[in-house]
Amino acid sequence: NVIHDCLLTHGHIGYSEDHPLEGRLR
């Protein structure tokens, strides 16, 4: 839930493989 909220804050950039949040969510 926390990582998903961070991704929503960062927008579509958060879902790119260059950003560490995408890996943390996986």
PDB file of all heavy atoms in Angstrom:
ATOM      1  N   ASN A   1       0.823  -1.214   0.000  1.00  0.00           N
ATOM      2  CA  ASN A   1       0.000   0.000   0.000  1.00  0.00           C
ATOM      3  C   ASN A   1       0.859   1.267   0.000  1.00  0.00           C
ATOM      4  O   ASN A   1       0.564   2.219  -0.728  1.00  0.00           O
ATOM      5  CB  ASN A   1      -0.944   0.009   1.197  1.00  0.00           C
ATOM      6  CG  ASN A   1      -2.041  -1.012   1.062  1.00  0.00           C
ATOM      7  OD1 ASN A   1      -2.361  -1.457  -0.036  1.00  0.00           O
ATOM      8  ND2 ASN A   1      -2.612  -1.394   2.180  1.00  0.00           N
ATOM      9  N   VAL A   2       1.931   1.280   0.786  1.00  0.00           N
ATOM     10  CA  VAL A   2       2.808   2.456   0.852  1.00  0.00           C
ATOM     11  C   VAL A   2       3.528   2.668  -0.474  1.00  0.00           C
ATOM     12  O   VAL A   2       3.583   3.789  -0.993  1.00  0.00           O
ATOM     13  CB  VAL A   2       3.816   2.308   2.014  1.00  0.00           C
ATOM     14  CG1 VAL A   2       4.916   3.341   1.923  1.00  0.00           C
ATOM     15  CG2 VAL A   2       3.105   2.405   3.352  1.00  0.00           C
ATOM     16  N   ILE A   3       4.070   1.588  -1.042  1.00  0.00           N
ATOM     17  CA  ILE A   3       4.785   1.712  -2.308  1.00  0.00           C
ATOM     18  C   ILE A   3       3.824   2.133  -3.425  1.00  0.00           C
ATOM     19  O   ILE A   3       4.177   2.944  -4.285  1.00  0.00           O
ATOM     20  CB  ILE A   3       5.517   0.406  -2.650  1.00  0.00           C
ATOM     21  CG1 ILE A   3       6.605   0.146  -1.611  1.00  0.00           C
ATOM     22  CG2 ILE A   3       6.119   0.462  -4.037  1.00  0.00           C
ATOM     23  CD1 ILE A   3       7.213  -1.234  -1.688  1.00  0.00           C
ATOM     24  N   HIS A   4       2.618   1.609  -3.397  1.00  0.00           N
ATOM     25  CA  HIS A   4       1.625   1.995  -4.410  1.00  0.00           C
ATOM     26  C   HIS A   4       1.296   3.482  -4.295  1.00  0.00           C
ATOM     27  O   HIS A   4       1.181   4.182  -5.317  1.00  0.00           O
ATOM     28  CB  HIS A   4       0.370   1.146  -4.270  1.00  0.00           C
ATOM     29  CG  HIS A   4      -0.600   1.361  -5.367  1.00  0.00           C
ATOM     30  ND1 HIS A   4      -1.658   2.237  -5.251  1.00  0.00           N
ATOM     31  CD2 HIS A   4      -0.674   0.840  -6.607  1.00  0.00           C
ATOM     32  CE1 HIS A   4      -2.341   2.239  -6.367  1.00  0.00           C
ATOM     33  NE2 HIS A   4      -1.775   1.397  -7.221  1.00  0.00           N
ATOM     34  N   ASP A   5       1.162   3.988  -3.080  1.00  0.00           N
ATOM     35  CA  ASP A   5       0.911   5.422  -2.899  1.00  0.00           C
ATOM     36  C   ASP A   5       2.086   6.260  -3.406  1.00  0.00           C
ATOM     37  O   ASP A   5       1.890   7.314  -4.005  1.00  0.00           O
ATOM     38  CB  ASP A   5       0.644   5.744  -1.425  1.00  0.00           C
ATOM     39  CG  ASP A   5      -0.704   5.219  -0.956  1.00  0.00           C
ATOM     40  OD1 ASP A   5      -1.541   4.890  -1.815  1.00  0.00           O
ATOM     41  OD2 ASP A   5      -0.905   5.148   0.269  1.00  0.00           O
ATOM     42  N   CYS A   6       3.313   5.774  -3.177  1.00  0.00           N
ATOM     43  CA  CYS A   6       4.494   6.486  -3.701  1.00  0.00           C
ATOM     44  C   CYS A   6       4.485   6.505  -5.225  1.00  0.00           C
ATOM     45  O   CYS A   6       4.819   7.517  -5.847  1.00  0.00           O
ATOM     46  CB  CYS A   6       5.774   5.832  -3.209  1.00  0.00           C
ATOM     47  SG  CYS A   6       6.076   6.062  -1.456  1.00  0.00           S
ATOM     48  N   LEU A   7       4.101   5.385  -5.828  1.00  0.00           N
ATOM     49  CA  LEU A   7       4.028   5.321  -7.286  1.00  0.00           C
ATOM     50  C   LEU A   7       2.988   6.290  -7.821  1.00  0.00           C
ATOM     51  O   LEU A   7       3.186   6.925  -8.861  1.00  0.00           O
ATOM     52  CB  LEU A   7       3.723   3.899  -7.743  1.00  0.00           C
ATOM     53  CG  LEU A   7       4.888   2.927  -7.667  1.00  0.00           C
ATOM     54  CD1 LEU A   7       4.407   1.508  -7.898  1.00  0.00           C
ATOM     55  CD2 LEU A   7       5.947   3.290  -8.668  1.00  0.00           C
ATOM     56  N   LEU A   8       1.867   6.394  -7.141  1.00  0.00           N
ATOM     57  CA  LEU A   8       0.841   7.339  -7.572  1.00  0.00           C
ATOM     58  C   LEU A   8       1.337   8.776  -7.455  1.00  0.00           C
ATOM     59  O   LEU A   8       1.011   9.627  -8.289  1.00  0.00           O
ATOM     60  CB  LEU A   8      -0.433   7.160  -6.746  1.00  0.00           C
ATOM     61  CG  LEU A   8      -1.200   5.867  -6.995  1.00  0.00           C
ATOM     62  CD1 LEU A   8      -2.384   5.774  -6.044  1.00  0.00           C
ATOM     63  CD2 LEU A   8      -1.654   5.758  -8.428  1.00  0.00           C
ATOM     64  N   THR A   9       2.152   9.038  -6.445  1.00  0.00           N
ATOM     65  CA  THR A   9       2.715  10.372  -6.273  1.00  0.00           C
ATOM     66  C   THR A   9       3.687  10.711  -7.401  1.00  0.00           C
ATOM     67  O   THR A   9       3.687  11.832  -7.917  1.00  0.00           O
ATOM     68  CB  THR A   9       3.442  10.470  -4.922  1.00  0.00           C
ATOM     69  OG1 THR A   9       2.520  10.170  -3.883  1.00  0.00           O
ATOM     70  CG2 THR A   9       4.006  11.862  -4.706  1.00  0.00           C
ATOM     71  N   HIS A  10       4.509   9.738  -7.790  1.00  0.00           N
ATOM     72  CA  HIS A  10       5.503   9.970  -8.833  1.00  0.00           C
ATOM     73  C   HIS A  10       4.918   9.921 -10.239  1.00  0.00           C
ATOM     74  O   HIS A  10       5.582  10.326 -11.190  1.00  0.00           O
ATOM     75  CB  HIS A  10       6.639   8.956  -8.721  1.00  0.00           C
ATOM     76  CG  HIS A  10       7.526   9.193  -7.550  1.00  0.00           C
ATOM     77  ND1 HIS A  10       8.282  10.326  -7.404  1.00  0.00           N
ATOM     78  CD2 HIS A  10       7.772   8.437  -6.455  1.00  0.00           C
ATOM     79  CE1 HIS A  10       8.954  10.259  -6.273  1.00  0.00           C
ATOM     80  NE2 HIS A  10       8.662   9.128  -5.674  1.00  0.00           N
ATOM     81  N   GLY A  11       3.736   9.389 -10.387  1.00  0.00           N
ATOM     82  CA  GLY A  11       3.119   9.315 -11.708  1.00  0.00           C
ATOM     83  C   GLY A  11       3.697   8.195 -12.546  1.00  0.00           C
ATOM     84  O   GLY A  11       4.214   7.203 -12.027  1.00  0.00           O
ATOM     85  N   HIS A  12       3.627   8.338 -13.858  1.00  0.00           N
ATOM     86  CA  HIS A  12       4.060   7.262 -14.749  1.00  0.00           C
ATOM     87  C   HIS A  12       5.566   7.024 -14.699  1.00  0.00           C
ATOM     88  O   HIS A  12       6.036   5.955 -15.073  1.00  0.00           O
ATOM     89  CB  HIS A  12       3.609   7.548 -16.184  1.00  0.00           C
ATOM     90  CG  HIS A  12       4.340   8.668 -16.839  1.00  0.00           C
ATOM     91  ND1 HIS A  12       4.030   9.984 -16.604  1.00  0.00           N
ATOM     92  CD2 HIS A  12       5.383   8.652 -17.698  1.00  0.00           C
ATOM     93  CE1 HIS A  12       4.851  10.746 -17.310  1.00  0.00           C
ATOM     94  NE2 HIS A  12       5.679   9.968 -17.985  1.00  0.00           N
ATOM     95  N   ILE A  13       6.338   7.985 -14.237  1.00  0.00           N
ATOM     96  CA  ILE A  13       7.797   7.800 -14.102  1.00  0.00           C
ATOM     97  C   ILE A  13       8.098   6.711 -13.070  1.00  0.00           C
ATOM     98  O   ILE A  13       9.061   5.967 -13.209  1.00  0.00           O
ATOM     99  CB  ILE A  13       8.459   9.137 -13.669  1.00  0.00           C
ATOM    100  CG1 ILE A  13       8.451  10.111 -14.829  1.00  0.00           C
ATOM    101  CG2 ILE A  13       9.858   8.942 -13.153  1.00  0.00           C
ATOM    102  CD1 ILE A  13       9.410   9.759 -15.935  1.00  0.00           C
ATOM    103  N   GLY A  14       7.273   6.595 -12.026  1.00  0.00           N
ATOM    104  CA  GLY A  14       7.497   5.590 -10.989  1.00  0.00           C
ATOM    105  C   GLY A  14       7.414   4.168 -11.494  1.00  0.00           C
ATOM    106  O   GLY A  14       8.013   3.260 -10.925  1.00  0.00           O
ATOM    107  N   TYR A  15       6.675   3.950 -12.583  1.00  0.00           N
ATOM    108  CA  TYR A  15       6.519   2.608 -13.120  1.00  0.00           C
ATOM    109  C   TYR A  15       7.620   2.225 -14.107  1.00  0.00           C
ATOM    110  O   TYR A  15       7.661   1.092 -14.560  1.00  0.00           O
ATOM    111  CB  TYR A  15       5.152   2.464 -13.811  1.00  0.00           C
ATOM    112  CG  TYR A  15       4.017   2.397 -12.831  1.00  0.00           C
ATOM    113  CD1 TYR A  15       3.237   3.510 -12.561  1.00  0.00           C
ATOM    114  CD2 TYR A  15       3.728   1.218 -12.162  1.00  0.00           C
ATOM    115  CE1 TYR A  15       2.192   3.453 -11.658  1.00  0.00           C
ATOM    116  CE2 TYR A  15       2.688   1.144 -11.253  1.00  0.00           C
ATOM    117  CZ  TYR A  15       1.928   2.264 -11.015  1.00  0.00           C
ATOM    118  OH  TYR A  15       0.903   2.202 -10.116  1.00  0.00           O
ATOM    119  N   SER A  16       8.513   3.139 -14.459  1.00  0.00           N
ATOM    120  CA  SER A  16       9.588   2.816 -15.396  1.00  0.00           C
ATOM    121  C   SER A  16      10.647   1.959 -14.696  1.00  0.00           C
ATOM    122  O   SER A  16      10.814   2.017 -13.478  1.00  0.00           O
ATOM    123  CB  SER A  16      10.227   4.090 -15.950  1.00  0.00           C
ATOM    124  OG  SER A  16      10.965   4.744 -14.948  1.00  0.00           O
ATOM    125  N   GLU A  17      11.355   1.171 -15.470  1.00  0.00           N
ATOM    126  CA  GLU A  17      12.365   0.286 -14.894  1.00  0.00           C
ATOM    127  C   GLU A  17      13.581   1.045 -14.379  1.00  0.00           C
ATOM    128  O   GLU A  17      14.379   0.509 -13.620  1.00  0.00           O
ATOM    129  CB  GLU A  17      12.797  -0.749 -15.929  1.00  0.00           C
ATOM    130  CG  GLU A  17      11.729  -1.781 -16.214  1.00  0.00           C
ATOM    131  CD  GLU A  17      12.190  -2.842 -17.182  1.00  0.00           C
ATOM    132  OE1 GLU A  17      13.369  -2.843 -17.562  1.00  0.00           O
ATOM    133  OE2 GLU A  17      11.356  -3.671 -17.550  1.00  0.00           O
ATOM    134  N   ASP A  18      13.729   2.308 -14.784  1.00  0.00           N
ATOM    135  CA  ASP A  18      14.857   3.110 -14.308  1.00  0.00           C
ATOM    136  C   ASP A  18      14.655   3.591 -12.878  1.00  0.00           C
ATOM    137  O   ASP A  18      15.610   3.939 -12.196  1.00  0.00           O
ATOM    138  CB  ASP A  18      15.051   4.329 -15.218  1.00  0.00           C
ATOM    139  CG  ASP A  18      15.386   3.923 -16.637  1.00  0.00           C
ATOM    140  OD1 ASP A  18      15.948   2.812 -16.805  1.00  0.00           O
ATOM    141  OD2 ASP A  18      15.088   4.690 -17.564  1.00  0.00           O
ATOM    142  N   HIS A  19      13.430   3.617 -12.417  1.00  0.00           N
ATOM    143  CA  HIS A  19      13.111   4.122 -11.082  1.00  0.00           C
ATOM    144  C   HIS A  19      13.073   2.953 -10.099  1.00  0.00           C
ATOM    145  O   HIS A  19      12.516   1.894 -10.397  1.00  0.00           O
ATOM    146  CB  HIS A  19      11.752   4.830 -11.122  1.00  0.00           C
ATOM    147  CG  HIS A  19      11.630   5.918 -10.123  1.00  0.00           C
ATOM    148  ND1 HIS A  19      11.261   5.674  -8.844  1.00  0.00           N
ATOM    149  CD2 HIS A  19      11.837   7.249 -10.221  1.00  0.00           C
ATOM    150  CE1 HIS A  19      11.237   6.815  -8.177  1.00  0.00           C
ATOM    151  NE2 HIS A  19      11.589   7.794  -8.996  1.00  0.00           N
ATOM    152  N   PRO A  20      13.643   3.086  -8.900  1.00  0.00           N
ATOM    153  CA  PRO A  20      13.694   1.962  -7.960  1.00  0.00           C
ATOM    154  C   PRO A  20      12.339   1.560  -7.378  1.00  0.00           C
ATOM    155  O   PRO A  20      12.204   0.444  -6.880  1.00  0.00           O
ATOM    156  CB  PRO A  20      14.634   2.458  -6.852  1.00  0.00           C
ATOM    157  CG  PRO A  20      14.617   3.931  -6.938  1.00  0.00           C
ATOM    158  CD  PRO A  20      14.364   4.262  -8.378  1.00  0.00           C
ATOM    159  N   LEU A  21      11.335   2.433  -7.444  1.00  0.00           N
ATOM    160  CA  LEU A  21      10.045   2.083  -6.862  1.00  0.00           C
ATOM    161  C   LEU A  21       9.386   0.910  -7.580  1.00  0.00           C
ATOM    162  O   LEU A  21       8.704   0.095  -6.954  1.00  0.00           O
ATOM    163  CB  LEU A  21       9.097   3.288  -6.901  1.00  0.00           C
ATOM    164  CG  LEU A  21       9.374   4.381  -5.889  1.00  0.00           C
ATOM    165  CD1 LEU A  21       8.443   5.558  -6.115  1.00  0.00           C
ATOM    166  CD2 LEU A  21       9.226   3.861  -4.488  1.00  0.00           C
ATOM    167  N   GLU A  22       9.606   0.814  -8.869  1.00  0.00           N
ATOM    168  CA  GLU A  22       9.011  -0.280  -9.636  1.00  0.00           C
ATOM    169  C   GLU A  22       9.531  -1.627  -9.135  1.00  0.00           C
ATOM    170  O   GLU A  22       8.773  -2.573  -8.938  1.00  0.00           O
ATOM    171  CB  GLU A  22       9.330  -0.077 -11.126  1.00  0.00           C
ATOM    172  CG  GLU A  22       8.706  -1.091 -12.041  1.00  0.00           C
ATOM    173  CD  GLU A  22       9.662  -2.203 -12.391  1.00  0.00           C
ATOM    174  OE1 GLU A  22      10.880  -2.036 -12.220  1.00  0.00           O
ATOM    175  OE2 GLU A  22       9.174  -3.262 -12.823  1.00  0.00           O
ATOM    176  N   GLY A  23      10.813  -1.694  -8.877  1.00  0.00           N
ATOM    177  CA  GLY A  23      11.405  -2.927  -8.358  1.00  0.00           C
ATOM    178  C   GLY A  23      10.947  -3.235  -6.939  1.00  0.00           C
ATOM    179  O   GLY A  23      10.735  -4.393  -6.581  1.00  0.00           O
ATOM    180  N   ARG A  24      10.793  -2.204  -6.143  1.00  0.00           N
ATOM    181  CA  ARG A  24      10.324  -2.403  -4.761  1.00  0.00           C
ATOM    182  C   ARG A  24       8.902  -2.951  -4.733  1.00  0.00           C
ATOM    183  O   ARG A  24       8.567  -3.789  -3.902  1.00  0.00           O
ATOM    184  CB  ARG A  24      10.369  -1.096  -3.972  1.00  0.00           C
ATOM    185  CG  ARG A  24      11.724  -0.467  -3.862  1.00  0.00           C
ATOM    186  CD  ARG A  24      12.654  -1.293  -2.977  1.00  0.00           C
ATOM    187  NE  ARG A  24      13.938  -0.639  -2.865  1.00  0.00           N
ATOM    188  CZ  ARG A  24      14.998  -0.959  -3.598  1.00  0.00           C
ATOM    189  NH1 ARG A  24      14.925  -1.923  -4.486  1.00  0.00           N
ATOM    190  NH2 ARG A  24      16.139  -0.335  -3.442  1.00  0.00           N
ATOM    191  N   LEU A  25       8.069  -2.475  -5.654  1.00  0.00           N
ATOM    192  CA  LEU A  25       6.695  -2.973  -5.707  1.00  0.00           C
ATOM    193  C   LEU A  25       6.686  -4.447  -6.078  1.00  0.00           C
ATOM    194  O   LEU A  25       5.965  -5.238  -5.467  1.00  0.00           O
ATOM    195  CB  LEU A  25       5.861  -2.170  -6.700  1.00  0.00           C
ATOM    196  CG  LEU A  25       4.396  -2.582  -6.803  1.00  0.00           C
ATOM    197  CD1 LEU A  25       3.679  -2.339  -5.481  1.00  0.00           C
ATOM    198  CD2 LEU A  25       3.697  -1.827  -7.913  1.00  0.00           C
ATOM    199  N   ARG A  26       7.502  -4.834  -7.051  1.00  0.00           N
ATOM    200  CA  ARG A  26       7.575  -6.254  -7.421  1.00  0.00           C
ATOM    201  C   ARG A  26       8.066  -7.094  -6.248  1.00  0.00           C
ATOM    202  O   ARG A  26       7.549  -8.187  -6.003  1.00  0.00           O
ATOM    203  CB  ARG A  26       8.493  -6.446  -8.623  1.00  0.00           C
ATOM    204  CG  ARG A  26       7.816  -6.162  -9.929  1.00  0.00           C
ATOM    205  CD  ARG A  26       8.660  -6.557 -11.114  1.00  0.00           C
ATOM    206  NE  ARG A  26       9.728  -5.580 -11.306  1.00  0.00           N
ATOM    207  CZ  ARG A  26      11.022  -5.875 -11.306  1.00  0.00           C
ATOM    208  NH1 ARG A  26      11.421  -7.099 -11.149  1.00  0.00           N
ATOM    209  NH2 ARG A  26      11.926  -4.923 -11.480  1.00  0.00           N
TER     210      ARG A  26
END
